[in-house]
């Protein structure tokens, strides 16, 4: 079972994940209005690139955006959640061993202890994010079962990974298979669910940065509409 999950199933998972992400990105660009968006971006490449990078960086850097400064507690949880969600799967030693064995590639890695800290911090953040959705009426009214399901899909690989690492119940092999299966489910779900914001976040932030940099006074340092 392990050989299948880390062999053919992993290949299929990566094909679906990367193919789906590219498909979502292409359709996002194709959905832009030709006259309002693409022409403006094409004729003002310097302003477009500058605006896109500025928009993305301001949202990625802690307290770089106004929303960060207005709700620092929530965005700290949000930031911690996504840091763990992205860094642990990519830079964990065990994952890179599989990549080296199956695909002949490997990345820089950090120690298992660092991965443990990031994973636990990510799960704690997820708990508080769920509690926020339950406690705040303005968030609760917009939350559906689908949102909780996506949080479960995102956190399940980390839960099973920690259970596997610390051999809870003494059944390492069971938790290892559960970890691989939940991880592959998460990757497959990304292109077809709201989890696609993993790529669409950068697309939408870049578009907003281009809009404000070209069409809304960004050239003159103003945030005004035409």
N, C-alpha and C. Protein backbone atom coordinates (compact mmCIF):
# COMPACT_ATOMS: atom_id res chain seq x y z
N UNK A 1 0.82 -1.20 0.00
CA UNK A 1 0.00 0.00 0.00
C UNK A 1 0.86 1.26 0.00
N UNK A 2 1.92 1.22 0.82
CA UNK A 2 2.82 2.38 0.90
C UNK A 2 3.47 2.64 -0.45
N UNK A 3 3.90 1.58 -1.13
CA UNK A 3 4.55 1.74 -2.43
C UNK A 3 3.59 2.33 -3.46
N UNK A 4 2.32 1.94 -3.39
CA UNK A 4 1.34 2.48 -4.32
C UNK A 4 1.06 3.95 -4.03
N UNK A 5 0.89 4.29 -2.76
CA UNK A 5 0.55 5.67 -2.38
C UNK A 5 1.69 6.64 -2.68
N UNK A 6 2.93 6.18 -2.54
CA UNK A 6 4.07 7.06 -2.80
C UNK A 6 4.63 6.88 -4.22
N UNK A 7 3.95 6.03 -5.00
CA UNK A 7 4.36 5.82 -6.39
C UNK A 7 3.31 6.32 -7.36
N UNK A 8 2.51 5.42 -7.94
CA UNK A 8 1.49 5.83 -8.93
C UNK A 8 0.49 6.85 -8.39
N UNK A 9 0.04 6.67 -7.16
CA UNK A 9 -0.94 7.61 -6.59
C UNK A 9 -0.34 9.00 -6.42
N UNK A 10 0.92 9.06 -6.03
CA UNK A 10 1.58 10.35 -5.86
C UNK A 10 1.78 11.04 -7.20
N UNK A 11 2.18 10.27 -8.22
CA UNK A 11 2.32 10.83 -9.57
C UNK A 11 0.99 11.42 -10.03
N UNK A 12 -0.09 10.65 -9.88
CA UNK A 12 -1.41 11.11 -10.31
C UNK A 12 -1.83 12.35 -9.52
N UNK A 13 -1.54 12.37 -8.22
CA UNK A 13 -1.87 13.52 -7.38
C UNK A 13 -1.17 14.77 -7.87
N UNK A 14 0.13 14.67 -8.16
CA UNK A 14 0.88 15.84 -8.63
C UNK A 14 0.39 16.31 -10.00
N UNK A 15 0.03 15.36 -10.87
CA UNK A 15 -0.49 15.73 -12.19
C UNK A 15 -1.79 16.51 -12.05
N UNK A 16 -2.69 16.03 -11.19
CA UNK A 16 -3.96 16.71 -10.98
C UNK A 16 -3.73 18.07 -10.33
N UNK A 17 -2.85 18.11 -9.33
CA UNK A 17 -2.59 19.35 -8.60
C UNK A 17 -2.00 20.42 -9.51
N UNK A 18 -0.88 20.12 -10.14
CA UNK A 18 -0.21 21.13 -10.96
C UNK A 18 -1.03 21.46 -12.22
N UNK A 19 -1.63 20.42 -12.83
CA UNK A 19 -2.47 20.68 -13.99
C UNK A 19 -3.67 21.53 -13.63
N UNK A 20 -4.29 21.24 -12.48
CA UNK A 20 -5.45 22.01 -12.05
C UNK A 20 -5.10 23.44 -11.69
N UNK A 21 -3.96 23.64 -11.05
CA UNK A 21 -3.53 24.99 -10.68
C UNK A 21 -3.27 25.83 -11.93
N UNK A 22 -2.60 25.24 -12.92
CA UNK A 22 -2.35 25.96 -14.18
C UNK A 22 -3.67 26.29 -14.86
N UNK A 23 -4.59 25.33 -14.86
CA UNK A 23 -5.91 25.55 -15.47
C UNK A 23 -6.64 26.70 -14.80
N UNK A 24 -6.62 26.77 -13.46
CA UNK A 24 -7.29 27.86 -12.75
C UNK A 24 -6.65 29.21 -13.07
N UNK A 25 -5.32 29.23 -13.16
CA UNK A 25 -4.61 30.48 -13.47
C UNK A 25 -4.94 30.96 -14.88
N UNK A 26 -4.95 30.04 -15.83
CA UNK A 26 -5.24 30.40 -17.22
C UNK A 26 -6.65 30.94 -17.33
N UNK A 27 -7.60 30.28 -16.70
CA UNK A 27 -8.99 30.73 -16.80
C UNK A 27 -9.21 32.04 -16.07
N UNK A 28 -8.43 32.30 -15.06
CA UNK A 28 -8.52 33.61 -14.40
C UNK A 28 -8.11 34.72 -15.36
N UNK A 29 -7.00 34.51 -16.05
CA UNK A 29 -6.52 35.52 -17.00
C UNK A 29 -7.48 35.66 -18.17
N UNK A 30 -8.01 34.53 -18.64
CA UNK A 30 -8.95 34.58 -19.76
C UNK A 30 -10.24 35.30 -19.37
N UNK A 31 -10.56 35.30 -18.09
CA UNK A 31 -11.77 35.96 -17.64
C UNK A 31 -11.64 37.46 -17.49
N UNK A 32 -10.44 38.00 -17.61
CA UNK A 32 -10.26 39.44 -17.51
C UNK A 32 -10.87 40.14 -18.72
N UNK A 33 -11.45 41.27 -18.49
CA UNK A 33 -12.02 42.04 -19.59
C UNK A 33 -10.92 42.57 -20.50
N UNK A 34 -11.04 42.32 -21.81
CA UNK A 34 -9.99 42.69 -22.74
C UNK A 34 -9.75 44.21 -22.78
N UNK A 35 -10.81 44.98 -22.85
CA UNK A 35 -10.67 46.44 -22.97
C UNK A 35 -10.30 47.10 -21.65
N UNK A 36 -10.93 46.66 -20.57
CA UNK A 36 -10.71 47.31 -19.28
C UNK A 36 -9.42 46.90 -18.60
N UNK A 37 -8.99 45.66 -18.81
CA UNK A 37 -7.86 45.14 -18.05
C UNK A 37 -6.63 44.85 -18.91
N UNK A 38 -6.77 43.92 -19.85
CA UNK A 38 -5.58 43.44 -20.54
C UNK A 38 -4.88 44.53 -21.35
N UNK A 39 -5.65 45.41 -21.99
CA UNK A 39 -5.03 46.47 -22.79
C UNK A 39 -4.25 47.41 -21.88
N UNK A 40 -4.86 47.80 -20.75
CA UNK A 40 -4.19 48.71 -19.82
C UNK A 40 -2.90 48.10 -19.30
N UNK A 41 -2.95 46.81 -18.94
CA UNK A 41 -1.75 46.17 -18.41
C UNK A 41 -0.67 46.07 -19.48
N UNK A 42 -1.09 45.77 -20.70
CA UNK A 42 -0.12 45.60 -21.79
C UNK A 42 0.59 46.88 -22.18
N UNK A 43 -0.13 48.01 -22.10
CA UNK A 43 0.47 49.27 -22.52
C UNK A 43 1.26 49.96 -21.40
N UNK A 44 1.10 49.47 -20.18
CA UNK A 44 1.79 50.10 -19.05
C UNK A 44 2.49 49.02 -18.21
N UNK A 45 3.40 48.31 -18.87
CA UNK A 45 4.06 47.18 -18.21
C UNK A 45 4.79 47.58 -16.94
N UNK A 46 5.47 48.72 -16.97
CA UNK A 46 6.25 49.13 -15.80
C UNK A 46 5.36 49.39 -14.60
N UNK A 47 4.26 50.12 -14.82
CA UNK A 47 3.33 50.40 -13.73
C UNK A 47 2.60 49.13 -13.28
N UNK A 48 2.30 48.25 -14.24
CA UNK A 48 1.60 47.01 -13.92
C UNK A 48 2.44 46.12 -13.02
N UNK A 49 3.68 45.90 -13.39
CA UNK A 49 4.57 45.04 -12.61
C UNK A 49 4.82 45.63 -11.22
N UNK A 50 5.08 46.93 -11.17
CA UNK A 50 5.32 47.59 -9.90
C UNK A 50 4.10 47.49 -8.99
N UNK A 51 2.93 47.74 -9.54
CA UNK A 51 1.70 47.68 -8.75
C UNK A 51 1.40 46.27 -8.26
N UNK A 52 1.62 45.28 -9.13
CA UNK A 52 1.35 43.89 -8.76
C UNK A 52 2.25 43.44 -7.62
N UNK A 53 3.55 43.70 -7.75
CA UNK A 53 4.51 43.30 -6.72
C UNK A 53 4.23 44.01 -5.40
N UNK A 54 3.91 45.28 -5.47
CA UNK A 54 3.63 46.05 -4.26
C UNK A 54 2.41 45.50 -3.54
N UNK A 55 1.37 45.18 -4.30
CA UNK A 55 0.15 44.65 -3.71
C UNK A 55 0.39 43.31 -3.02
N UNK A 56 1.10 42.41 -3.69
CA UNK A 56 1.37 41.08 -3.14
C UNK A 56 2.24 41.18 -1.89
N UNK A 57 3.33 41.95 -1.97
CA UNK A 57 4.26 42.04 -0.85
C UNK A 57 3.61 42.67 0.38
N UNK A 58 2.77 43.67 0.17
CA UNK A 58 2.13 44.33 1.30
C UNK A 58 1.20 43.38 2.04
N UNK A 59 0.62 42.41 1.34
CA UNK A 59 -0.25 41.45 2.00
C UNK A 59 0.52 40.28 2.60
N UNK A 60 1.69 39.97 2.05
CA UNK A 60 2.48 38.86 2.56
C UNK A 60 3.28 39.25 3.80
N UNK A 61 3.73 40.50 3.87
CA UNK A 61 4.54 40.95 4.99
C UNK A 61 3.65 41.23 6.21
N UNK A 62 4.05 40.76 7.39
CA UNK A 62 3.25 41.04 8.59
C UNK A 62 3.05 42.54 8.79
N UNK A 63 1.79 42.93 8.99
CA UNK A 63 1.39 44.32 9.23
C UNK A 63 1.73 45.24 8.05
N UNK A 64 1.88 44.64 6.87
CA UNK A 64 2.18 45.45 5.70
C UNK A 64 0.95 46.07 5.07
N UNK A 65 -0.22 45.53 5.36
CA UNK A 65 -1.46 46.06 4.80
C UNK A 65 -2.32 46.68 5.89
N UNK A 66 -3.29 47.47 5.48
CA UNK A 66 -4.17 48.14 6.44
C UNK A 66 -5.00 47.12 7.22
N UNK A 67 -5.43 46.05 6.56
CA UNK A 67 -6.21 45.01 7.24
C UNK A 67 -5.40 44.36 8.36
N UNK A 68 -4.10 44.14 8.09
CA UNK A 68 -3.22 43.61 9.14
C UNK A 68 -3.27 44.50 10.37
N UNK A 69 -3.17 45.82 10.16
CA UNK A 69 -3.08 46.75 11.28
C UNK A 69 -4.42 46.94 12.00
N UNK A 70 -5.53 46.77 11.27
CA UNK A 70 -6.84 46.91 11.88
C UNK A 70 -7.21 45.71 12.74
N UNK A 71 -6.81 44.51 12.31
CA UNK A 71 -7.13 43.28 13.04
C UNK A 71 -5.87 42.44 13.21
N UNK A 72 -4.93 42.91 14.01
CA UNK A 72 -3.64 42.22 14.14
C UNK A 72 -3.75 40.81 14.70
N UNK A 73 -4.68 40.61 15.66
CA UNK A 73 -4.83 39.28 16.25
C UNK A 73 -5.26 38.24 15.24
N UNK A 74 -6.30 38.56 14.48
CA UNK A 74 -6.79 37.61 13.49
C UNK A 74 -5.75 37.34 12.42
N UNK A 75 -5.11 38.40 11.92
CA UNK A 75 -4.16 38.20 10.84
C UNK A 75 -2.90 37.49 11.30
N UNK A 76 -2.56 37.59 12.58
CA UNK A 76 -1.45 36.82 13.12
C UNK A 76 -1.79 35.33 13.10
N UNK A 77 -3.03 35.00 13.48
CA UNK A 77 -3.49 33.61 13.39
C UNK A 77 -3.51 33.15 11.94
N UNK A 78 -4.05 33.98 11.07
CA UNK A 78 -4.14 33.69 9.64
C UNK A 78 -2.75 33.45 9.05
N UNK A 79 -1.79 34.30 9.41
CA UNK A 79 -0.43 34.20 8.90
C UNK A 79 0.24 32.92 9.41
N UNK A 80 0.09 32.64 10.70
CA UNK A 80 0.68 31.44 11.30
C UNK A 80 0.11 30.18 10.66
N UNK A 81 -1.20 30.19 10.44
CA UNK A 81 -1.86 29.04 9.82
C UNK A 81 -1.28 28.75 8.44
N UNK A 82 -1.13 29.79 7.63
CA UNK A 82 -0.67 29.58 6.26
C UNK A 82 0.83 29.32 6.17
N UNK A 83 1.60 29.88 7.09
CA UNK A 83 3.04 29.60 7.11
C UNK A 83 3.27 28.10 7.34
N UNK A 84 2.60 27.56 8.35
CA UNK A 84 2.73 26.12 8.62
C UNK A 84 2.19 25.28 7.48
N UNK A 85 1.05 25.70 6.93
CA UNK A 85 0.40 24.95 5.85
C UNK A 85 1.29 24.84 4.62
N UNK A 86 2.08 25.87 4.34
CA UNK A 86 2.90 25.90 3.13
C UNK A 86 4.31 25.37 3.36
N UNK A 87 4.93 25.74 4.47
CA UNK A 87 6.35 25.42 4.67
C UNK A 87 6.60 23.97 5.06
N UNK A 88 5.77 23.44 5.95
CA UNK A 88 6.02 22.07 6.44
C UNK A 88 5.97 21.03 5.32
N UNK A 89 4.92 21.01 4.46
CA UNK A 89 4.91 20.00 3.39
C UNK A 89 6.10 20.11 2.42
N UNK A 90 6.58 21.33 2.19
CA UNK A 90 7.63 21.53 1.20
C UNK A 90 9.01 21.22 1.75
N UNK A 91 9.27 21.61 3.00
CA UNK A 91 10.63 21.55 3.53
C UNK A 91 10.85 20.49 4.60
N UNK A 92 9.88 19.62 4.83
CA UNK A 92 10.06 18.53 5.78
C UNK A 92 11.03 17.49 5.20
N UNK A 93 11.94 17.01 6.03
CA UNK A 93 12.96 16.06 5.57
C UNK A 93 12.32 14.81 4.98
N UNK A 94 11.35 14.25 5.69
CA UNK A 94 10.73 12.99 5.23
C UNK A 94 10.08 13.14 3.87
N UNK A 95 9.46 14.29 3.60
CA UNK A 95 8.84 14.51 2.30
C UNK A 95 9.89 14.60 1.21
N UNK A 96 11.00 15.23 1.51
CA UNK A 96 12.05 15.38 0.51
C UNK A 96 12.78 14.07 0.24
N UNK A 97 12.78 13.18 1.21
CA UNK A 97 13.33 11.84 0.98
C UNK A 97 12.49 11.12 -0.07
N UNK A 98 11.17 11.22 0.06
CA UNK A 98 10.28 10.59 -0.93
C UNK A 98 10.45 11.23 -2.30
N UNK A 99 10.56 12.56 -2.34
CA UNK A 99 10.77 13.25 -3.62
C UNK A 99 12.06 12.80 -4.28
N UNK A 100 13.10 12.61 -3.47
CA UNK A 100 14.38 12.17 -4.01
C UNK A 100 14.28 10.75 -4.54
N UNK A 101 13.58 9.89 -3.82
CA UNK A 101 13.45 8.50 -4.23
C UNK A 101 12.58 8.35 -5.47
N UNK A 102 11.47 9.09 -5.54
CA UNK A 102 10.49 8.91 -6.61
C UNK A 102 10.75 9.79 -7.83
N UNK A 103 11.26 11.01 -7.59
CA UNK A 103 11.37 11.97 -8.69
C UNK A 103 12.79 12.47 -8.92
N UNK A 104 13.71 12.12 -8.03
CA UNK A 104 15.09 12.53 -8.21
C UNK A 104 15.35 13.99 -7.90
N UNK A 105 14.48 14.63 -7.12
CA UNK A 105 14.67 16.03 -6.75
C UNK A 105 14.57 16.17 -5.23
N UNK A 106 15.22 17.20 -4.70
CA UNK A 106 15.16 17.44 -3.28
C UNK A 106 15.39 18.92 -3.01
N UNK A 107 14.78 19.43 -1.96
CA UNK A 107 14.89 20.83 -1.61
C UNK A 107 15.62 20.98 -0.27
N UNK A 108 15.91 22.23 0.08
CA UNK A 108 16.45 22.50 1.41
C UNK A 108 15.43 22.07 2.45
N UNK A 109 15.88 21.53 3.57
CA UNK A 109 14.97 21.03 4.60
C UNK A 109 15.30 21.61 5.97
N UNK A 110 14.30 21.62 6.85
CA UNK A 110 14.57 21.98 8.24
C UNK A 110 14.33 20.76 9.12
N UNK A 111 14.74 20.86 10.38
CA UNK A 111 14.72 19.72 11.29
C UNK A 111 13.29 19.31 11.64
N UNK A 112 13.11 18.05 12.03
CA UNK A 112 11.78 17.59 12.46
C UNK A 112 11.22 18.41 13.62
N UNK A 113 12.09 18.89 14.50
CA UNK A 113 11.61 19.68 15.64
C UNK A 113 10.98 20.99 15.16
N UNK A 114 11.60 21.64 14.19
CA UNK A 114 11.02 22.87 13.63
C UNK A 114 9.68 22.56 12.97
N UNK A 115 9.62 21.44 12.27
CA UNK A 115 8.36 21.03 11.63
C UNK A 115 7.28 20.77 12.68
N UNK A 116 7.66 20.18 13.80
CA UNK A 116 6.70 19.94 14.88
C UNK A 116 6.12 21.25 15.39
N UNK A 117 7.00 22.23 15.64
CA UNK A 117 6.57 23.52 16.17
C UNK A 117 5.63 24.22 15.19
N UNK A 118 6.00 24.23 13.90
CA UNK A 118 5.17 24.88 12.89
C UNK A 118 3.83 24.16 12.74
N UNK A 119 3.85 22.84 12.80
CA UNK A 119 2.61 22.07 12.66
C UNK A 119 1.66 22.33 13.82
N UNK A 120 2.20 22.32 15.04
CA UNK A 120 1.37 22.57 16.22
C UNK A 120 0.83 24.00 16.19
N UNK A 121 1.68 24.96 15.83
CA UNK A 121 1.23 26.35 15.75
C UNK A 121 0.14 26.50 14.70
N UNK A 122 0.28 25.79 13.60
CA UNK A 122 -0.73 25.85 12.54
C UNK A 122 -2.06 25.28 13.04
N UNK A 123 -2.03 24.16 13.77
CA UNK A 123 -3.26 23.55 14.25
C UNK A 123 -3.92 24.40 15.33
N UNK A 124 -3.12 25.01 16.20
CA UNK A 124 -3.68 25.91 17.22
C UNK A 124 -4.36 27.10 16.55
N UNK A 125 -3.71 27.64 15.52
CA UNK A 125 -4.31 28.75 14.77
C UNK A 125 -5.62 28.33 14.12
N UNK A 126 -5.64 27.10 13.59
CA UNK A 126 -6.87 26.59 12.95
C UNK A 126 -8.01 26.51 13.95
N UNK A 127 -7.71 26.08 15.18
CA UNK A 127 -8.75 26.00 16.23
C UNK A 127 -9.33 27.38 16.50
N UNK A 128 -8.47 28.38 16.63
CA UNK A 128 -8.95 29.73 16.91
C UNK A 128 -9.70 30.33 15.72
N UNK A 129 -9.29 29.96 14.51
CA UNK A 129 -10.01 30.43 13.32
C UNK A 129 -11.41 29.84 13.29
N UNK A 130 -11.54 28.57 13.66
CA UNK A 130 -12.86 27.93 13.73
C UNK A 130 -13.71 28.58 14.83
N UNK A 131 -13.11 28.83 15.99
CA UNK A 131 -13.84 29.46 17.09
C UNK A 131 -14.31 30.86 16.69
N UNK A 132 -13.48 31.56 15.93
CA UNK A 132 -13.88 32.89 15.45
C UNK A 132 -15.09 32.79 14.54
N UNK A 133 -15.12 31.79 13.67
CA UNK A 133 -16.26 31.61 12.77
C UNK A 133 -17.53 31.30 13.56
N UNK A 134 -17.39 30.62 14.69
CA UNK A 134 -18.55 30.27 15.51
C UNK A 134 -19.00 31.46 16.36
N UNK A 135 -18.03 32.21 16.89
CA UNK A 135 -18.34 33.25 17.88
C UNK A 135 -18.85 34.55 17.27
N UNK A 136 -18.30 34.96 16.13
CA UNK A 136 -18.67 36.25 15.57
C UNK A 136 -19.88 36.11 14.63
N UNK A 137 -20.98 36.79 14.91
CA UNK A 137 -22.18 36.65 14.08
C UNK A 137 -21.94 37.00 12.62
N UNK A 138 -21.15 38.07 12.37
CA UNK A 138 -20.93 38.51 11.00
C UNK A 138 -20.11 37.49 10.19
N UNK A 139 -19.36 36.63 10.88
CA UNK A 139 -18.60 35.58 10.20
C UNK A 139 -19.42 34.29 10.16
N UNK A 140 -20.12 34.01 11.26
CA UNK A 140 -20.92 32.78 11.35
C UNK A 140 -21.98 32.72 10.27
N UNK A 141 -22.61 33.86 9.96
CA UNK A 141 -23.70 33.86 8.99
C UNK A 141 -23.20 33.52 7.57
N UNK A 142 -21.91 33.74 7.33
CA UNK A 142 -21.34 33.46 6.02
C UNK A 142 -20.69 32.08 5.94
N UNK A 143 -20.61 31.38 7.08
CA UNK A 143 -19.91 30.11 7.16
C UNK A 143 -20.87 28.95 6.95
N UNK A 144 -20.47 28.01 6.11
CA UNK A 144 -21.26 26.82 5.85
C UNK A 144 -20.46 25.57 6.21
N UNK A 145 -21.11 24.43 6.11
CA UNK A 145 -20.43 23.15 6.36
C UNK A 145 -19.24 22.98 5.42
N UNK A 146 -19.38 23.50 4.21
CA UNK A 146 -18.31 23.43 3.21
C UNK A 146 -17.02 24.09 3.72
N UNK A 147 -17.14 25.21 4.41
CA UNK A 147 -15.97 25.90 4.95
C UNK A 147 -15.28 25.07 6.02
N UNK A 148 -16.07 24.46 6.89
CA UNK A 148 -15.48 23.61 7.93
C UNK A 148 -14.83 22.37 7.31
N UNK A 149 -15.44 21.85 6.25
CA UNK A 149 -14.87 20.68 5.57
C UNK A 149 -13.51 21.02 4.98
N UNK A 150 -13.37 22.20 4.40
CA UNK A 150 -12.09 22.60 3.83
C UNK A 150 -11.02 22.77 4.90
N UNK A 151 -11.42 23.28 6.07
CA UNK A 151 -10.47 23.39 7.17
C UNK A 151 -10.04 22.00 7.62
N UNK A 152 -10.97 21.07 7.66
CA UNK A 152 -10.64 19.69 8.04
C UNK A 152 -9.70 19.06 7.03
N UNK A 153 -9.98 19.26 5.74
CA UNK A 153 -9.11 18.71 4.70
C UNK A 153 -7.70 19.28 4.82
N UNK A 154 -7.60 20.56 5.16
CA UNK A 154 -6.30 21.23 5.26
C UNK A 154 -5.51 20.81 6.49
N UNK A 155 -6.21 20.54 7.58
CA UNK A 155 -5.52 20.21 8.83
C UNK A 155 -5.30 18.71 9.01
N UNK A 156 -6.08 17.88 8.33
CA UNK A 156 -5.97 16.43 8.51
C UNK A 156 -4.55 15.89 8.26
N UNK A 157 -3.84 16.34 7.20
CA UNK A 157 -2.47 15.83 7.01
C UNK A 157 -1.54 16.18 8.17
N UNK A 158 -1.77 17.31 8.83
CA UNK A 158 -0.92 17.72 9.94
C UNK A 158 -1.26 16.93 11.20
N UNK A 159 -2.55 16.68 11.41
CA UNK A 159 -2.97 15.87 12.56
C UNK A 159 -2.41 14.46 12.44
N UNK A 160 -2.62 13.84 11.28
CA UNK A 160 -2.14 12.48 11.09
C UNK A 160 -0.61 12.43 11.07
N UNK A 161 0.01 13.50 10.56
CA UNK A 161 1.47 13.54 10.54
C UNK A 161 2.06 13.56 11.94
N UNK A 162 1.47 14.36 12.84
CA UNK A 162 1.94 14.40 14.22
C UNK A 162 1.65 13.09 14.94
N UNK A 163 0.48 12.51 14.69
CA UNK A 163 0.17 11.22 15.29
C UNK A 163 1.15 10.14 14.84
N UNK A 164 1.53 10.23 13.57
CA UNK A 164 2.51 9.29 13.02
C UNK A 164 3.89 9.52 13.63
N UNK A 165 4.29 10.77 13.70
CA UNK A 165 5.63 11.10 14.22
C UNK A 165 5.81 10.64 15.66
N UNK A 166 4.77 10.84 16.49
CA UNK A 166 4.88 10.46 17.90
C UNK A 166 4.30 9.07 18.17
N UNK A 167 3.93 8.37 17.07
CA UNK A 167 3.47 6.97 17.14
C UNK A 167 2.39 6.79 18.20
N UNK A 168 1.39 7.63 18.14
CA UNK A 168 0.28 7.55 19.08
C UNK A 168 -0.45 6.22 18.90
N UNK A 169 -0.66 5.52 19.98
CA UNK A 169 -1.30 4.22 19.91
C UNK A 169 -0.37 3.12 19.47
N UNK A 170 0.86 3.48 19.14
CA UNK A 170 1.85 2.48 18.74
C UNK A 170 1.68 1.95 17.33
N UNK A 171 0.75 2.52 16.56
CA UNK A 171 0.50 2.03 15.20
C UNK A 171 1.06 3.03 14.19
N UNK A 172 2.37 3.02 14.03
CA UNK A 172 3.04 3.96 13.13
C UNK A 172 2.60 3.76 11.70
N UNK A 173 2.49 2.53 11.24
CA UNK A 173 2.16 2.25 9.83
C UNK A 173 0.77 2.77 9.49
N UNK A 174 -0.19 2.61 10.38
CA UNK A 174 -1.56 3.09 10.12
C UNK A 174 -1.57 4.60 9.95
N UNK A 175 -0.93 5.32 10.86
CA UNK A 175 -0.93 6.78 10.80
C UNK A 175 -0.13 7.28 9.61
N UNK A 176 0.91 6.53 9.22
CA UNK A 176 1.69 6.92 8.04
C UNK A 176 0.82 6.86 6.79
N UNK A 177 0.08 5.78 6.63
CA UNK A 177 -0.80 5.66 5.46
C UNK A 177 -1.90 6.72 5.51
N UNK A 178 -2.45 6.96 6.71
CA UNK A 178 -3.49 7.99 6.85
C UNK A 178 -2.93 9.37 6.50
N UNK A 179 -1.68 9.61 6.89
CA UNK A 179 -1.04 10.90 6.59
C UNK A 179 -0.86 11.08 5.08
N UNK A 180 -0.41 10.05 4.41
CA UNK A 180 -0.19 10.14 2.96
C UNK A 180 -1.51 10.33 2.23
N UNK A 181 -2.54 9.58 2.63
CA UNK A 181 -3.84 9.67 1.97
C UNK A 181 -4.45 11.06 2.17
N UNK A 182 -4.43 11.56 3.40
CA UNK A 182 -5.02 12.88 3.66
C UNK A 182 -4.22 13.98 2.96
N UNK A 183 -2.90 13.80 2.86
CA UNK A 183 -2.08 14.77 2.15
C UNK A 183 -2.41 14.81 0.67
N UNK A 184 -2.62 13.65 0.07
CA UNK A 184 -2.95 13.60 -1.35
C UNK A 184 -4.37 14.12 -1.61
N UNK A 185 -5.28 13.87 -0.68
CA UNK A 185 -6.63 14.44 -0.81
C UNK A 185 -6.56 15.96 -0.80
N UNK A 186 -5.75 16.50 0.09
CA UNK A 186 -5.59 17.96 0.18
C UNK A 186 -5.05 18.53 -1.13
N UNK A 187 -4.02 17.91 -1.70
CA UNK A 187 -3.45 18.41 -2.96
C UNK A 187 -4.46 18.35 -4.10
N UNK A 188 -5.21 17.25 -4.17
CA UNK A 188 -6.20 17.10 -5.24
C UNK A 188 -7.33 18.11 -5.08
N UNK A 189 -7.67 18.45 -3.83
CA UNK A 189 -8.78 19.37 -3.58
C UNK A 189 -8.43 20.81 -3.94
N UNK A 190 -7.16 21.16 -3.94
CA UNK A 190 -6.77 22.56 -4.14
C UNK A 190 -7.34 23.17 -5.42
N UNK A 191 -7.17 22.56 -6.59
CA UNK A 191 -7.65 23.23 -7.82
C UNK A 191 -9.17 23.31 -7.94
N UNK A 192 -9.90 22.46 -7.19
CA UNK A 192 -11.34 22.33 -7.43
C UNK A 192 -12.20 22.93 -6.32
N UNK A 193 -11.59 23.55 -5.34
CA UNK A 193 -12.34 24.11 -4.22
C UNK A 193 -11.85 25.52 -3.92
N UNK A 194 -12.35 26.09 -2.83
CA UNK A 194 -11.88 27.41 -2.40
C UNK A 194 -10.39 27.40 -2.06
N UNK A 195 -9.83 26.21 -1.87
CA UNK A 195 -8.40 26.12 -1.59
C UNK A 195 -7.56 26.59 -2.78
N UNK A 196 -8.21 26.78 -3.92
CA UNK A 196 -7.50 27.30 -5.09
C UNK A 196 -6.99 28.72 -4.86
N UNK A 197 -7.40 29.35 -3.75
CA UNK A 197 -6.85 30.67 -3.45
C UNK A 197 -5.34 30.59 -3.20
N UNK A 198 -4.81 29.36 -3.07
CA UNK A 198 -3.36 29.20 -2.97
C UNK A 198 -2.65 29.83 -4.16
N UNK A 199 -3.28 29.80 -5.34
CA UNK A 199 -2.74 30.44 -6.53
C UNK A 199 -3.53 31.69 -6.88
N UNK A 200 -4.85 31.66 -6.69
CA UNK A 200 -5.68 32.80 -7.09
C UNK A 200 -5.46 34.01 -6.20
N UNK A 201 -4.96 33.81 -4.99
CA UNK A 201 -4.60 34.95 -4.14
C UNK A 201 -3.59 35.85 -4.85
N UNK A 202 -2.56 35.22 -5.40
CA UNK A 202 -1.52 35.98 -6.08
C UNK A 202 -2.06 36.63 -7.35
N UNK A 203 -2.96 35.92 -8.05
CA UNK A 203 -3.55 36.46 -9.26
C UNK A 203 -4.41 37.68 -8.96
N UNK A 204 -5.27 37.56 -7.95
CA UNK A 204 -6.18 38.66 -7.64
C UNK A 204 -5.45 39.84 -7.02
N UNK A 205 -4.47 39.58 -6.15
CA UNK A 205 -3.71 40.68 -5.58
C UNK A 205 -2.91 41.41 -6.67
N UNK A 206 -2.35 40.65 -7.61
CA UNK A 206 -1.62 41.27 -8.71
C UNK A 206 -2.54 42.13 -9.55
N UNK A 207 -3.76 41.64 -9.82
CA UNK A 207 -4.70 42.42 -10.63
C UNK A 207 -5.10 43.71 -9.91
N UNK A 208 -5.38 43.61 -8.61
CA UNK A 208 -5.74 44.81 -7.85
C UNK A 208 -4.59 45.81 -7.83
N UNK A 209 -3.37 45.30 -7.67
CA UNK A 209 -2.20 46.18 -7.69
C UNK A 209 -2.03 46.87 -9.02
N UNK A 210 -2.28 46.14 -10.11
CA UNK A 210 -2.20 46.73 -11.44
C UNK A 210 -3.28 47.79 -11.63
N UNK A 211 -4.49 47.49 -11.16
CA UNK A 211 -5.59 48.45 -11.30
C UNK A 211 -5.27 49.76 -10.59
N UNK A 212 -4.82 49.65 -9.36
CA UNK A 212 -4.53 50.87 -8.60
C UNK A 212 -3.25 51.54 -9.09
N UNK A 213 -2.35 50.77 -9.64
CA UNK A 213 -1.11 51.35 -10.15
C UNK A 213 -1.28 52.06 -11.47
N UNK A 214 -2.27 51.63 -12.27
CA UNK A 214 -2.46 52.20 -13.62
C UNK A 214 -3.70 53.08 -13.70
N UNK A 215 -4.82 52.54 -13.23
CA UNK A 215 -6.11 53.18 -13.52
C UNK A 215 -6.70 54.00 -12.39
N UNK A 216 -6.10 53.96 -11.22
CA UNK A 216 -6.72 54.63 -10.08
C UNK A 216 -5.75 55.59 -9.38
N UNK A 217 -4.96 56.27 -10.15
CA UNK A 217 -4.11 57.31 -9.60
C UNK A 217 -2.80 56.84 -9.02
N UNK A 218 -2.48 55.55 -9.13
CA UNK A 218 -1.25 55.06 -8.57
C UNK A 218 -0.01 55.70 -9.16
N UNK A 219 -0.08 56.06 -10.41
CA UNK A 219 1.05 56.70 -11.08
C UNK A 219 1.43 58.01 -10.39
N UNK A 220 0.44 58.65 -9.79
CA UNK A 220 0.68 59.96 -9.15
C UNK A 220 0.68 59.86 -7.63
N UNK A 221 0.71 58.62 -7.13
CA UNK A 221 0.76 58.43 -5.70
C UNK A 221 -0.57 58.61 -5.00
N UNK A 222 -1.67 58.58 -5.78
CA UNK A 222 -3.00 58.77 -5.20
C UNK A 222 -3.80 57.48 -5.32
N UNK A 223 -4.72 57.28 -4.40
CA UNK A 223 -5.58 56.11 -4.44
C UNK A 223 -6.95 56.43 -4.98
N UNK A 224 -7.06 57.42 -5.87
CA UNK A 224 -8.36 57.86 -6.37
C UNK A 224 -8.74 57.12 -7.65
N UNK A 225 -10.04 56.97 -7.86
CA UNK A 225 -10.51 56.44 -9.13
C UNK A 225 -10.32 57.49 -10.21
N UNK A 226 -10.44 57.06 -11.47
CA UNK A 226 -10.22 57.96 -12.60
C UNK A 226 -10.97 59.29 -12.40
